[in-house]
Amino acid sequence: MRKQQRYTPEFRSEAVKLVLEQGLQQSVAAKRLSVPEGTLATWVAAVKSSTQPLPPGSRSAADVMAENAKLRKELAEARMERDILKKATAYFARESLHVTRS
């Protein structure tokens, strides 16, 4: 018979943060922490459905997911702008070579 493992609230909180805030898959996080995947899934589900007020400095899963979506959109726009600037720089570099050769 296996002895039931006890986890501290701090450990549980950090494990849930790996999944919700850092975007790690539950299976990967569970393996890294040597926690049964079902146990971690229970902790994550409890936090997602929790109606208890969050401690100061922490955010709800919905807030984190919304911020993540916003940041992904901003990153895509920044990459697009960077690519446009690269092409413009190459274009003007070619044009300046033609002007100086004349």
Protein backbone atom coordinates (compact mmCIF):
# COMPACT_ATOMS: atom_id res chain seq x y z
CA MET A 1 0.00 0.00 0.00
CA ARG A 2 1.28 3.44 -0.96
CA LYS A 3 1.57 6.18 1.60
CA GLN A 4 -0.46 9.26 0.71
CA GLN A 5 1.76 12.22 -0.14
CA ARG A 6 1.08 15.56 1.55
CA TYR A 7 1.86 18.81 -0.25
CA THR A 8 2.20 22.23 1.32
CA PRO A 9 -0.13 25.03 0.18
CA GLU A 10 2.92 26.89 -1.15
CA PHE A 11 3.93 23.89 -3.28
CA ARG A 12 0.40 23.56 -4.63
CA SER A 13 0.27 27.26 -5.45
CA GLU A 14 3.57 27.16 -7.31
CA ALA A 15 2.52 24.04 -9.21
CA VAL A 16 -0.70 25.72 -10.34
CA LYS A 17 1.25 28.84 -11.37
CA LEU A 18 3.39 26.69 -13.67
CA VAL A 19 0.27 25.66 -15.53
CA LEU A 20 -1.83 28.82 -15.46
CA GLU A 21 0.73 31.63 -15.61
CA GLN A 22 3.65 30.04 -17.42
CA GLY A 23 1.53 27.97 -19.81
CA LEU A 24 3.17 24.65 -19.07
CA GLN A 25 1.04 21.63 -19.94
CA GLN A 26 -0.32 19.81 -16.93
CA SER A 27 1.36 16.55 -17.88
CA VAL A 28 4.76 18.23 -18.22
CA ALA A 29 4.41 20.17 -14.97
CA ALA A 30 3.26 17.06 -13.12
CA LYS A 31 6.24 15.09 -14.41
CA ARG A 32 8.71 17.86 -13.48
CA LEU A 33 7.30 18.12 -9.97
CA SER A 34 6.83 14.36 -9.48
CA VAL A 35 3.15 14.86 -8.75
CA PRO A 36 0.40 12.64 -10.14
CA GLU A 37 -1.19 14.35 -13.15
CA GLY A 38 -4.68 13.87 -11.72
CA THR A 39 -3.67 15.59 -8.50
CA LEU A 40 -2.31 18.60 -10.36
CA ALA A 41 -5.42 18.71 -12.54
CA THR A 42 -7.56 18.81 -9.40
CA TRP A 43 -5.55 21.72 -8.00
CA VAL A 44 -5.78 23.65 -11.28
CA ALA A 45 -9.53 23.04 -11.57
CA ALA A 46 -10.03 24.20 -7.99
CA VAL A 47 -8.20 27.46 -8.66
CA LYS A 48 -10.06 28.06 -11.94
CA SER A 49 -13.44 27.56 -10.31
CA SER A 50 -12.53 29.27 -7.06
CA THR A 51 -14.73 32.13 -5.98
CA GLN A 52 -12.53 32.93 -3.00
CA PRO A 53 -10.81 36.30 -3.08
CA LEU A 54 -7.26 36.06 -4.34
CA PRO A 55 -4.37 36.97 -2.08
CA PRO A 56 -2.77 40.37 -2.78
CA GLY A 57 -0.44 40.31 -5.74
CA SER A 58 -2.00 37.29 -7.43
CA ARG A 59 -4.35 37.30 -10.37
CA SER A 60 -7.15 35.08 -11.52
CA ALA A 61 -6.65 32.61 -14.34
CA ALA A 62 -9.00 34.63 -16.55
CA ASP A 63 -6.89 37.76 -16.02
CA VAL A 64 -3.71 35.90 -16.89
CA MET A 65 -5.26 34.37 -20.02
CA ALA A 66 -6.58 37.75 -21.17
CA GLU A 67 -3.18 39.36 -20.68
CA ASN A 68 -1.52 36.48 -22.51
CA ALA A 69 -3.83 36.95 -25.51
CA LYS A 70 -3.17 40.71 -25.53
CA LEU A 71 0.59 40.19 -25.38
CA ARG A 72 0.51 37.62 -28.20
CA LYS A 73 -1.35 40.11 -30.39
CA GLU A 74 1.14 42.88 -29.57
CA LEU A 75 4.04 40.54 -30.32
CA ALA A 76 2.57 39.61 -33.71
CA GLU A 77 2.19 43.32 -34.57
CA ALA A 78 5.74 44.09 -33.46
CA ARG A 79 7.10 41.24 -35.59
CA MET A 80 5.15 42.48 -38.60
CA GLU A 81 6.48 46.03 -38.11
CA ARG A 82 10.03 44.69 -37.74
CA ASP A 83 9.72 42.75 -41.00
CA ILE A 84 8.43 45.84 -42.83
CA LEU A 85 11.32 47.91 -41.48
CA LYS A 86 13.83 45.27 -42.58
CA LYS A 87 12.45 45.32 -46.12
CA ALA A 88 12.40 49.12 -46.21
CA THR A 89 15.98 49.29 -44.97
CA ALA A 90 17.11 46.84 -47.64
CA TYR A 91 15.25 48.81 -50.32
CA PHE A 92 16.75 52.15 -49.33
CA ALA A 93 20.22 50.61 -49.00
CA ARG A 94 19.94 49.38 -52.61
CA GLU A 95 18.67 52.79 -53.76
CA SER A 96 21.55 54.62 -52.08
CA LEU A 97 24.04 52.30 -53.81
CA HIS A 98 22.54 53.20 -57.20
CA VAL A 99 22.68 56.93 -56.42
CA THR A 100 26.32 56.89 -55.30
CA ARG A 101 27.43 54.95 -58.41
CA SER A 102 25.98 57.52 -60.80
